[in-house]
Structure formats: structure tokens, C-alpha cells
Amino acid sequence: AAAVASAFAAPAALAQSSNVTVYGRMNLSFDRYSATGATAGAAADIQSRNRVVDNSSRLGFKGTEDLGNGLQAIFQIESGVTGDASAGAVAASTGALGTRTTFVGLKGKTWGQVLLGRQDVYYGNGKLDEPNRLGMLPNAFENAAAGRNAISAAGATGNGVMTPSLNRADNVVSYISPSFNNFTLKVQYAIPAGEATAAGSGVKNTATAFNLTYDNGPWYAQADWMKNSDLALAWDGSAAATAAGNKVTAWKLGGAYAFPSNTHVGLLYERLKNET
């Protein structure tokens, strides 16, 4: 009886010390477009038509729970929302709960925070990775222009196609330091597909990443490094090579300055290497 009473009393205590925020955005646009001059002839042209487009709409819940002595439990559940189509027409980041950045973790006043879950790795960490985070572009233009300052895959075939490094990945452990003189360090370990490795296989798809930022008023700088090992790589139209021993390594370095007029100027250099 005491155990049952304690179980029912716990939610009341939780509500007193927790803080939950509901957030999100619904971004839709109306477009008119056409595509003509197809090499296959006029029959392959796309005549003028209208469409309604969703631009990364999302719904999220995040919160904290005070555990005492400056320690907090933190969580975030963020899901993509398709505002222009039914549930049957969904993308990888929509149509289910927790498709976007979703985690649970602990946060201390002096030692930083540790997070477990689906998180951004390498891309999506820091202000330079998304112009929208610096206020440069509305989200609709950002998505339409492939908006991240990052090397991307050019498709399944073609000369020079590169397999990009990780962005949002499953099974991620992150440590984020407190800010020391405006510097913040993030260290991440990911098992993107390693959990699903078949019995007897030596393929253990894992990734390691580091993100260092300097954020001081108008000045901002960022450095990133990552390595993603044991993943299938293919380019020039060839069949995917075995994942064992393949790896992608990448690093980028950049900085930005914000003028009083809210105009931002930034420069980012990135190097990406695929090895089989």
C-alpha cells in the first residue's frame, strides 16, 4: 500500500519542480513553377503548376526537472510536421513522434550536460551551420537553397559524388561543456546503424565528433571535426562497397561578425574525405 501511495504521489511532486515548454513553427509557402527544355523532349517537360510546400514545420516539447544540488534532468521531443499533405505523404523527419532532435539528459551548473538520444552531429551544431540561426534567411529560402553552409551529396551517380558526414543521427551520446571565457566544447559519440549489425559481422558503424564554438557579442567562431566509420560508400554510379573499413572524415572552420544593423558576414571552409 505504501508503494502504491508513493507512486501516485510522485507526479504531484514532479509538477512542482518541473518546467515544460511547448514550441514549434508552421511554415508553408505557395509556389508556381515549371521545368522545360528536357533533353527527352517536350513530353518530359513539367508545365506550369501550383503547389503548397511545407518548409520544415515542427512541434516540440522540452523541459527541465530540478533534482537538487544544482542538478537538473532535461529532455526534448521534437517532431516534424507535414503541413501541406496528409499523413500518407511524409518525409523522413515527419510522420512519427521524435523524428527530429530528441533526447534526455542531465545538466549541472559547473560540469555541463550529458545527452542521450537522436541529435545533430557535425552538421547542425553551431550558428554557422544554418544561416537561419544567424537570422540571415527565412526558413523557406533556406530550405529551397539547400541552406546549410556544408558539402552535400550530389546524388546517386556522377563524377565527384561525395557521401556527406553525419547530420541528425540516431543513438548519440553528447557531452556539452559550460562556457569558459565564451568557449563551449561538444564531444559526441554515435552508433548510427551499429545496433542493427548482424550477428557475426565485424561492421560496427560508429562516429566521433568534436564541436568548439566561440560566441562573444558580434564575434562568432566555430571549429568541427568528425569521423564516421564502417559505412557503405558509393560514387560514380558504382554499387555500394562493403561497409567494413570504409570511413568519412571531415572538418570545418569558420567565423562570423554581426553588425549593429543585424547584417551578418561569415566565412566557412570545409574539407570532406571518403575512404574505402
C-alpha atoms as a PDB file:
ATOM      1  CA  ALA A   1       0.000   0.000   0.000  1.00  0.00           C
ATOM      2  CA  ALA A   2       2.838   2.363   0.832  1.00  0.00           C
ATOM      3  CA  ALA A   3       4.437   1.682  -2.551  1.00  0.00           C
ATOM      4  CA  VAL A   4       1.176   2.386  -4.380  1.00  0.00           C
ATOM      5  CA  ALA A   5       0.649   5.625  -2.441  1.00  0.00           C
ATOM      6  CA  SER A   6       4.206   6.695  -3.240  1.00  0.00           C
ATOM      7  CA  ALA A   7       3.704   6.011  -6.946  1.00  0.00           C
ATOM      8  CA  PHE A   8       0.624   8.215  -7.079  1.00  0.00           C
ATOM      9  CA  ALA A   9       2.306  10.969  -5.049  1.00  0.00           C
ATOM     10  CA  ALA A  10       5.347  11.218  -7.357  1.00  0.00           C
ATOM     11  CA  PRO A  11       3.601  13.046 -10.248  1.00  0.00           C
ATOM     12  CA  ALA A  12       2.428  15.787  -7.887  1.00  0.00           C
ATOM     13  CA  ALA A  13       5.967  16.372  -6.669  1.00  0.00           C
ATOM     14  CA  LEU A  14       7.236  16.318 -10.255  1.00  0.00           C
ATOM     15  CA  ALA A  15       4.808  19.017 -11.318  1.00  0.00           C
ATOM     16  CA  GLN A  16       6.024  21.365  -8.608  1.00  0.00           C
ATOM     17  CA  SER A  17       9.669  21.440  -9.734  1.00  0.00           C
ATOM     18  CA  SER A  18       9.451  20.818 -13.484  1.00  0.00           C
ATOM     19  CA  ASN A  19       9.247  23.301 -16.344  1.00  0.00           C
ATOM     20  CA  VAL A  20       7.885  22.195 -19.727  1.00  0.00           C
ATOM     21  CA  THR A  21       7.772  24.373 -22.854  1.00  0.00           C
ATOM     22  CA  VAL A  22       5.698  23.637 -25.942  1.00  0.00           C
ATOM     23  CA  TYR A  23       7.198  25.186 -29.080  1.00  0.00           C
ATOM     24  CA  GLY A  24       7.212  24.859 -32.836  1.00  0.00           C
ATOM     25  CA  ARG A  25       6.642  26.546 -36.139  1.00  0.00           C
ATOM     26  CA  MET A  26       4.355  26.070 -39.118  1.00  0.00           C
ATOM     27  CA  ASN A  27       5.952  27.374 -42.310  1.00  0.00           C
ATOM     28  CA  LEU A  28       4.017  26.982 -45.561  1.00  0.00           C
ATOM     29  CA  SER A  29       4.529  28.657 -48.908  1.00  0.00           C
ATOM     30  CA  PHE A  30       2.593  28.873 -52.170  1.00  0.00           C
ATOM     31  CA  ASP A  31       4.736  28.268 -55.269  1.00  0.00           C
ATOM     32  CA  ARG A  32       4.215  28.368 -59.009  1.00  0.00           C
ATOM     33  CA  TYR A  33       6.861  26.574 -61.034  1.00  0.00           C
ATOM     34  CA  SER A  34       7.702  24.866 -64.331  1.00  0.00           C
ATOM     35  CA  ALA A  35      10.608  22.922 -65.825  1.00  0.00           C
ATOM     36  CA  THR A  36      11.042  22.985 -69.591  1.00  0.00           C
ATOM     37  CA  GLY A  37      13.687  22.094 -72.151  1.00  0.00           C
ATOM     38  CA  ALA A  38      14.022  18.436 -71.160  1.00  0.00           C
ATOM     39  CA  THR A  39      16.565  16.510 -73.240  1.00  0.00           C
ATOM     40  CA  ALA A  40      13.958  13.764 -73.647  1.00  0.00           C
ATOM     41  CA  GLY A  41      11.719  16.208 -75.475  1.00  0.00           C
ATOM     42  CA  ALA A  42       8.659  18.309 -74.732  1.00  0.00           C
ATOM     43  CA  ALA A  43       6.758  15.272 -73.459  1.00  0.00           C
ATOM     44  CA  ALA A  44       9.096  15.234 -70.433  1.00  0.00           C
ATOM     45  CA  ASP A  45       8.633  18.938 -69.629  1.00  0.00           C
ATOM     46  CA  ILE A  46       6.785  19.972 -66.492  1.00  0.00           C
ATOM     47  CA  GLN A  47       4.213  22.561 -67.430  1.00  0.00           C
ATOM     48  CA  SER A  48       3.385  25.460 -65.120  1.00  0.00           C
ATOM     49  CA  ARG A  49       1.618  24.329 -61.982  1.00  0.00           C
ATOM     50  CA  ASN A  50       0.891  25.452 -58.432  1.00  0.00           C
ATOM     51  CA  ARG A  51       1.859  23.817 -55.191  1.00  0.00           C
ATOM     52  CA  VAL A  52       1.760  24.364 -51.444  1.00  0.00           C
ATOM     53  CA  VAL A  53       5.087  23.497 -49.786  1.00  0.00           C
ATOM     54  CA  ASP A  54       5.941  22.779 -46.168  1.00  0.00           C
ATOM     55  CA  ASN A  55       9.301  24.230 -45.036  1.00  0.00           C
ATOM     56  CA  SER A  56      10.451  22.170 -42.039  1.00  0.00           C
ATOM     57  CA  SER A  57       7.417  22.721 -39.841  1.00  0.00           C
ATOM     58  CA  ARG A  58       7.796  21.162 -36.402  1.00  0.00           C
ATOM     59  CA  LEU A  59       6.267  20.667 -32.969  1.00  0.00           C
ATOM     60  CA  GLY A  60       8.349  20.160 -29.841  1.00  0.00           C
ATOM     61  CA  PHE A  61       8.271  19.713 -26.091  1.00  0.00           C
ATOM     62  CA  LYS A  62      11.261  20.458 -23.876  1.00  0.00           C
ATOM     63  CA  GLY A  63      11.665  20.775 -20.151  1.00  0.00           C
ATOM     64  CA  THR A  64      13.755  20.593 -17.033  1.00  0.00           C
ATOM     65  CA  GLU A  65      13.325  18.901 -13.669  1.00  0.00           C
ATOM     66  CA  ASP A  66      15.267  20.129 -10.635  1.00  0.00           C
ATOM     67  CA  LEU A  67      16.943  17.215  -8.848  1.00  0.00           C
ATOM     68  CA  GLY A  68      18.677  19.252  -6.149  1.00  0.00           C
ATOM     69  CA  ASN A  69      22.243  20.459  -5.552  1.00  0.00           C
ATOM     70  CA  GLY A  70      22.254  22.300  -8.893  1.00  0.00           C
ATOM     71  CA  LEU A  71      21.492  19.149 -10.904  1.00  0.00           C
ATOM     72  CA  GLN A  72      18.706  19.071 -13.499  1.00  0.00           C
ATOM     73  CA  ALA A  73      17.125  16.411 -15.668  1.00  0.00           C
ATOM     74  CA  ILE A  74      16.457  17.781 -19.159  1.00  0.00           C
ATOM     75  CA  PHE A  75      14.576  16.467 -22.170  1.00  0.00           C
ATOM     76  CA  GLN A  76      13.398  17.420 -25.642  1.00  0.00           C
ATOM     77  CA  ILE A  77      10.984  15.675 -28.009  1.00  0.00           C
ATOM     78  CA  GLU A  78      10.819  17.359 -31.420  1.00  0.00           C
ATOM     79  CA  SER A  79       8.778  16.035 -34.323  1.00  0.00           C
ATOM     80  CA  GLY A  80       8.472  17.134 -37.921  1.00  0.00           C
ATOM     81  CA  VAL A  81       5.001  18.184 -39.039  1.00  0.00           C
ATOM     82  CA  THR A  82       3.857  17.967 -42.662  1.00  0.00           C
ATOM     83  CA  GLY A  83       1.543  20.927 -43.074  1.00  0.00           C
ATOM     84  CA  ASP A  84       0.875  20.542 -46.801  1.00  0.00           C
ATOM     85  CA  ALA A  85      -0.035  16.844 -47.111  1.00  0.00           C
ATOM     86  CA  SER A  86      -1.843  14.001 -45.431  1.00  0.00           C
ATOM     87  CA  ALA A  87      -0.142  11.509 -43.125  1.00  0.00           C
ATOM     88  CA  GLY A  88       0.404   9.266 -46.118  1.00  0.00           C
ATOM     89  CA  ALA A  89       2.800  11.739 -47.755  1.00  0.00           C
ATOM     90  CA  VAL A  90       5.537  12.116 -45.192  1.00  0.00           C
ATOM     91  CA  ALA A  91       9.297  12.526 -45.245  1.00  0.00           C
ATOM     92  CA  ALA A  92      11.992  11.024 -43.043  1.00  0.00           C
ATOM     93  CA  SER A  93      11.645  13.812 -40.486  1.00  0.00           C
ATOM     94  CA  THR A  94       7.842  13.724 -40.274  1.00  0.00           C
ATOM     95  CA  GLY A  95       5.001  11.331 -39.647  1.00  0.00           C
ATOM     96  CA  ALA A  96       6.163   9.981 -36.275  1.00  0.00           C
ATOM     97  CA  LEU A  97       6.996  11.199 -32.799  1.00  0.00           C
ATOM     98  CA  GLY A  98      10.590  12.232 -32.086  1.00  0.00           C
ATOM     99  CA  THR A  99      11.758  12.346 -35.715  1.00  0.00           C
ATOM    100  CA  ARG A 100      13.834  15.475 -35.122  1.00  0.00           C
ATOM    101  CA  THR A 101      16.248  16.257 -32.272  1.00  0.00           C
ATOM    102  CA  THR A 102      15.013  14.195 -29.308  1.00  0.00           C
ATOM    103  CA  PHE A 103      16.968  13.431 -26.148  1.00  0.00           C
ATOM    104  CA  VAL A 104      17.064  13.092 -22.376  1.00  0.00           C
ATOM    105  CA  GLY A 105      19.973  14.049 -20.154  1.00  0.00           C
ATOM    106  CA  LEU A 106      21.479  15.599 -17.052  1.00  0.00           C
ATOM    107  CA  LYS A 107      22.750  19.153 -16.606  1.00  0.00           C
ATOM    108  CA  GLY A 108      24.987  20.523 -13.845  1.00  0.00           C
ATOM    109  CA  LYS A 109      25.910  24.088 -13.012  1.00  0.00           C
ATOM    110  CA  THR A 110      29.653  23.501 -13.115  1.00  0.00           C
ATOM    111  CA  TRP A 111      30.320  20.443 -15.278  1.00  0.00           C
ATOM    112  CA  GLY A 112      27.965  20.907 -18.257  1.00  0.00           C
ATOM    113  CA  GLN A 113      25.459  18.413 -19.625  1.00  0.00           C
ATOM    114  CA  VAL A 114      25.228  14.861 -20.965  1.00  0.00           C
ATOM    115  CA  LEU A 115      22.540  13.952 -23.521  1.00  0.00           C
ATOM    116  CA  LEU A 116      21.315  10.613 -24.917  1.00  0.00           C
ATOM    117  CA  GLY A 117      19.105  10.261 -27.992  1.00  0.00           C
ATOM    118  CA  ARG A 118      18.647  11.435 -31.586  1.00  0.00           C
ATOM    119  CA  GLN A 119      20.821  14.521 -32.072  1.00  0.00           C
ATOM    120  CA  ASP A 120      22.648  16.712 -34.581  1.00  0.00           C
ATOM    121  CA  VAL A 121      26.222  15.529 -35.204  1.00  0.00           C
ATOM    122  CA  TYR A 122      28.764  17.690 -37.072  1.00  0.00           C
ATOM    123  CA  TYR A 123      26.130  19.457 -39.214  1.00  0.00           C
ATOM    124  CA  GLY A 124      23.565  21.442 -37.263  1.00  0.00           C
ATOM    125  CA  ASN A 125      25.953  22.208 -34.400  1.00  0.00           C
ATOM    126  CA  GLY A 126      26.638  25.926 -34.090  1.00  0.00           C
ATOM    127  CA  LYS A 127      25.420  29.090 -35.751  1.00  0.00           C
ATOM    128  CA  LEU A 128      27.492  28.765 -38.919  1.00  0.00           C
ATOM    129  CA  ASP A 129      25.814  25.539 -39.956  1.00  0.00           C
ATOM    130  CA  GLU A 130      22.441  27.132 -40.607  1.00  0.00           C
ATOM    131  CA  PRO A 131      22.143  30.682 -41.966  1.00  0.00           C
ATOM    132  CA  ASN A 132      18.703  30.850 -40.373  1.00  0.00           C
ATOM    133  CA  ARG A 133      20.275  30.596 -36.904  1.00  0.00           C
ATOM    134  CA  LEU A 134      22.068  33.855 -37.572  1.00  0.00           C
ATOM    135  CA  GLY A 135      18.852  35.388 -38.903  1.00  0.00           C
ATOM    136  CA  MET A 136      20.178  35.546 -42.454  1.00  0.00           C
ATOM    137  CA  LEU A 137      17.337  33.872 -44.318  1.00  0.00           C
ATOM    138  CA  PRO A 138      13.692  32.940 -43.812  1.00  0.00           C
ATOM    139  CA  ASN A 139      13.371  29.188 -43.468  1.00  0.00           C
ATOM    140  CA  ALA A 140      11.558  28.816 -46.800  1.00  0.00           C
ATOM    141  CA  PHE A 141      14.513  30.296 -48.695  1.00  0.00           C
ATOM    142  CA  GLU A 142      16.996  28.383 -46.572  1.00  0.00           C
ATOM    143  CA  ASN A 143      15.478  25.022 -47.451  1.00  0.00           C
ATOM    144  CA  ALA A 144      14.949  25.871 -51.102  1.00  0.00           C
ATOM    145  CA  ALA A 145      18.617  26.831 -51.472  1.00  0.00           C
ATOM    146  CA  ALA A 146      19.862  23.725 -49.630  1.00  0.00           C
ATOM    147  CA  GLY A 147      20.561  26.355 -46.949  1.00  0.00           C
ATOM    148  CA  ARG A 148      23.326  24.835 -44.866  1.00  0.00           C
ATOM    149  CA  ASN A 149      26.877  26.003 -45.378  1.00  0.00           C
ATOM    150  CA  ALA A 150      28.070  22.449 -45.905  1.00  0.00           C
ATOM    151  CA  ILE A 151      29.269  19.981 -48.515  1.00  0.00           C
ATOM    152  CA  SER A 152      26.347  17.818 -49.663  1.00  0.00           C
ATOM    153  CA  ALA A 153      25.990  14.626 -51.639  1.00  0.00           C
ATOM    154  CA  ALA A 154      25.355  15.337 -55.326  1.00  0.00           C
ATOM    155  CA  GLY A 155      23.124  12.330 -55.887  1.00  0.00           C
ATOM    156  CA  ALA A 156      23.488   8.632 -56.570  1.00  0.00           C
ATOM    157  CA  THR A 157      25.630   8.983 -59.695  1.00  0.00           C
ATOM    158  CA  GLY A 158      28.051  11.395 -61.314  1.00  0.00           C
ATOM    159  CA  ASN A 159      31.729  12.238 -61.062  1.00  0.00           C
ATOM    160  CA  GLY A 160      32.947  13.525 -57.736  1.00  0.00           C
ATOM    161  CA  VAL A 161      29.906  12.493 -55.724  1.00  0.00           C
ATOM    162  CA  MET A 162      30.763  12.633 -52.026  1.00  0.00           C
ATOM    163  CA  THR A 163      28.975  10.880 -49.193  1.00  0.00           C
ATOM    164  CA  PRO A 164      28.345  13.591 -46.615  1.00  0.00           C
ATOM    165  CA  SER A 165      29.171  13.168 -42.982  1.00  0.00           C
ATOM    166  CA  LEU A 166      26.510  12.868 -40.323  1.00  0.00           C
ATOM    167  CA  ASN A 167      23.878  15.461 -39.544  1.00  0.00           C
ATOM    168  CA  ARG A 168      20.992  14.290 -37.367  1.00  0.00           C
ATOM    169  CA  ALA A 169      21.739  10.750 -36.219  1.00  0.00           C
ATOM    170  CA  ASP A 170      20.221   8.071 -34.014  1.00  0.00           C
ATOM    171  CA  ASN A 171      21.891   6.620 -30.915  1.00  0.00           C
ATOM    172  CA  VAL A 172      24.037   9.613 -29.941  1.00  0.00           C
ATOM    173  CA  VAL A 173      25.779  10.374 -26.636  1.00  0.00           C
ATOM    174  CA  SER A 174      26.833  14.017 -26.236  1.00  0.00           C
ATOM    175  CA  TYR A 175      28.792  15.952 -23.640  1.00  0.00           C
ATOM    176  CA  ILE A 176      28.485  19.756 -23.721  1.00  0.00           C
ATOM    177  CA  SER A 177      30.763  21.806 -21.510  1.00  0.00           C
ATOM    178  CA  PRO A 178      29.828  25.012 -19.713  1.00  0.00           C
ATOM    179  CA  SER A 179      31.009  28.232 -21.336  1.00  0.00           C
ATOM    180  CA  PHE A 180      34.603  29.092 -20.384  1.00  0.00           C
ATOM    181  CA  ASN A 181      35.556  32.619 -21.475  1.00  0.00           C
ATOM    182  CA  ASN A 182      32.919  32.339 -24.245  1.00  0.00           C
ATOM    183  CA  PHE A 183      34.252  28.943 -25.464  1.00  0.00           C
ATOM    184  CA  THR A 184      31.998  25.865 -25.457  1.00  0.00           C
ATOM    185  CA  LEU A 185      33.056  22.310 -26.340  1.00  0.00           C
ATOM    186  CA  LYS A 186      30.792  19.484 -27.500  1.00  0.00           C
ATOM    187  CA  VAL A 187      32.039  15.875 -27.743  1.00  0.00           C
ATOM    188  CA  GLN A 188      29.810  13.268 -29.386  1.00  0.00           C
ATOM    189  CA  TYR A 189      29.813   9.506 -29.896  1.00  0.00           C
ATOM    190  CA  ALA A 190      27.221   7.938 -32.202  1.00  0.00           C
ATOM    191  CA  ILE A 191      26.175   4.447 -33.260  1.00  0.00           C
ATOM    192  CA  PRO A 192      24.074   5.414 -36.312  1.00  0.00           C
ATOM    193  CA  ALA A 193      23.373   1.888 -37.530  1.00  0.00           C
ATOM    194  CA  GLY A 194      25.673  -0.174 -35.333  1.00  0.00           C
ATOM    195  CA  GLU A 195      22.845  -1.522 -33.197  1.00  0.00           C
ATOM    196  CA  ALA A 196      21.474  -3.359 -36.232  1.00  0.00           C
ATOM    197  CA  THR A 197      24.743  -5.136 -37.112  1.00  0.00           C
ATOM    198  CA  ALA A 198      24.115  -8.762 -37.969  1.00  0.00           C
ATOM    199  CA  ALA A 199      25.452 -11.491 -35.725  1.00  0.00           C
ATOM    200  CA  GLY A 200      28.987 -12.480 -36.635  1.00  0.00           C
ATOM    201  CA  SER A 201      29.653  -9.264 -38.565  1.00  0.00           C
ATOM    202  CA  GLY A 202      32.617  -7.026 -37.767  1.00  0.00           C
ATOM    203  CA  VAL A 203      30.878  -3.927 -39.132  1.00  0.00           C
ATOM    204  CA  LYS A 204      30.273  -1.584 -36.212  1.00  0.00           C
ATOM    205  CA  ASN A 205      29.112   1.707 -37.707  1.00  0.00           C
ATOM    206  CA  THR A 206      30.271   4.335 -35.198  1.00  0.00           C
ATOM    207  CA  ALA A 207      31.094   8.034 -35.320  1.00  0.00           C
ATOM    208  CA  THR A 208      33.013  10.508 -33.189  1.00  0.00           C
ATOM    209  CA  ALA A 209      32.697  14.290 -33.434  1.00  0.00           C
ATOM    210  CA  PHE A 210      34.019  17.430 -31.763  1.00  0.00           C
ATOM    211  CA  ASN A 211      32.495  20.908 -31.937  1.00  0.00           C
ATOM    212  CA  LEU A 212      34.176  24.018 -30.473  1.00  0.00           C
ATOM    213  CA  THR A 213      32.475  27.426 -30.584  1.00  0.00           C
ATOM    214  CA  TYR A 214      33.432  30.942 -29.514  1.00  0.00           C
ATOM    215  CA  ASP A 215      30.472  33.287 -29.049  1.00  0.00           C
ATOM    216  CA  ASN A 216      31.235  36.785 -27.790  1.00  0.00           C
ATOM    217  CA  GLY A 217      28.891  39.568 -28.825  1.00  0.00           C
ATOM    218  CA  PRO A 218      29.278  40.369 -32.506  1.00  0.00           C
ATOM    219  CA  TRP A 219      32.106  37.849 -32.970  1.00  0.00           C
ATOM    220  CA  TYR A 220      31.488  34.168 -33.518  1.00  0.00           C
ATOM    221  CA  ALA A 221      33.843  31.322 -34.485  1.00  0.00           C
ATOM    222  CA  GLN A 222      33.384  27.580 -34.890  1.00  0.00           C
ATOM    223  CA  ALA A 223      35.561  24.510 -35.491  1.00  0.00           C
ATOM    224  CA  ASP A 224      34.312  20.949 -36.108  1.00  0.00           C
ATOM    225  CA  TRP A 225      35.864  17.531 -36.736  1.00  0.00           C
ATOM    226  CA  MET A 226      34.224  14.156 -37.205  1.00  0.00           C
ATOM    227  CA  LYS A 227      34.884  10.581 -38.351  1.00  0.00           C
ATOM    228  CA  ASN A 228      32.175   8.117 -39.385  1.00  0.00           C
ATOM    229  CA  SER A 229      33.463   4.528 -39.738  1.00  0.00           C
ATOM    230  CA  ASP A 230      32.165   1.300 -41.278  1.00  0.00           C
ATOM    231  CA  LEU A 231      29.530   2.724 -43.613  1.00  0.00           C
ATOM    232  CA  ALA A 232      28.618   1.891 -47.212  1.00  0.00           C
ATOM    233  CA  LEU A 233      30.179   4.305 -49.728  1.00  0.00           C
ATOM    234  CA  ALA A 234      29.459   4.558 -53.438  1.00  0.00           C
ATOM    235  CA  TRP A 235      30.094   7.161 -56.135  1.00  0.00           C
ATOM    236  CA  ASP A 236      30.422   7.358 -59.933  1.00  0.00           C
ATOM    237  CA  GLY A 237      27.368   5.144 -60.199  1.00  0.00           C
ATOM    238  CA  SER A 238      29.113   2.087 -58.795  1.00  0.00           C
ATOM    239  CA  ALA A 239      27.432  -0.363 -56.459  1.00  0.00           C
ATOM    240  CA  ALA A 240      27.807   0.336 -52.757  1.00  0.00           C
ATOM    241  CA  ALA A 241      31.038  -1.040 -51.441  1.00  0.00           C
ATOM    242  CA  THR A 242      31.076  -3.198 -48.340  1.00  0.00           C
ATOM    243  CA  ALA A 243      30.840  -1.087 -45.231  1.00  0.00           C
ATOM    244  CA  ALA A 244      33.727  -2.772 -43.407  1.00  0.00           C
ATOM    245  CA  GLY A 245      36.681  -0.411 -43.163  1.00  0.00           C
ATOM    246  CA  ASN A 246      35.086   2.481 -45.057  1.00  0.00           C
ATOM    247  CA  LYS A 247      35.119   5.880 -43.407  1.00  0.00           C
ATOM    248  CA  VAL A 248      34.262   9.519 -43.892  1.00  0.00           C
ATOM    249  CA  THR A 249      36.359  12.150 -42.143  1.00  0.00           C
ATOM    250  CA  ALA A 250      35.536  15.842 -42.221  1.00  0.00           C
ATOM    251  CA  TRP A 251      36.481  19.111 -40.604  1.00  0.00           C
ATOM    252  CA  LYS A 252      35.385  22.716 -40.963  1.00  0.00           C
ATOM    253  CA  LEU A 253      36.449  26.073 -39.605  1.00  0.00           C
ATOM    254  CA  GLY A 254      34.699  29.405 -39.826  1.00  0.00           C
ATOM    255  CA  GLY A 255      33.801  32.709 -38.265  1.00  0.00           C
ATOM    256  CA  ALA A 256      31.178  35.439 -38.460  1.00  0.00           C
ATOM    257  CA  TYR A 257      30.624  39.044 -37.419  1.00  0.00           C
ATOM    258  CA  ALA A 258      27.277  40.684 -36.674  1.00  0.00           C
ATOM    259  CA  PHE A 259      26.996  44.404 -37.422  1.00  0.00           C
ATOM    260  CA  PRO A 260      24.705  46.639 -35.326  1.00  0.00           C
ATOM    261  CA  SER A 261      22.318  46.706 -38.301  1.00  0.00           C
ATOM    262  CA  ASN A 262      21.849  42.912 -37.828  1.00  0.00           C
ATOM    263  CA  THR A 263      23.793  42.241 -41.025  1.00  0.00           C
ATOM    264  CA  HIS A 264      25.963  39.147 -40.675  1.00  0.00           C
ATOM    265  CA  VAL A 265      29.139  38.363 -42.607  1.00  0.00           C
ATOM    266  CA  GLY A 266      30.674  34.924 -42.290  1.00  0.00           C
ATOM    267  CA  LEU A 267      33.223  32.611 -43.881  1.00  0.00           C
ATOM    268  CA  LEU A 268      33.343  28.826 -43.610  1.00  0.00           C
ATOM    269  CA  TYR A 269      35.887  26.357 -45.014  1.00  0.00           C
ATOM    270  CA  GLU A 270      35.161  22.639 -45.075  1.00  0.00           C
ATOM    271  CA  ARG A 271      37.106  19.548 -46.127  1.00  0.00           C
ATOM    272  CA  LEU A 272      35.467  16.146 -46.587  1.00  0.00           C
ATOM    273  CA  LYS A 273      37.241  12.858 -47.354  1.00  0.00           C
ATOM    274  CA  ASN A 274      35.803   9.471 -48.313  1.00  0.00           C
ATOM    275  CA  GLU A 275      37.978   6.360 -47.927  1.00  0.00           C
ATOM    276  CA  THR A 276      37.264   2.787 -48.962  1.00  0.00           C
END
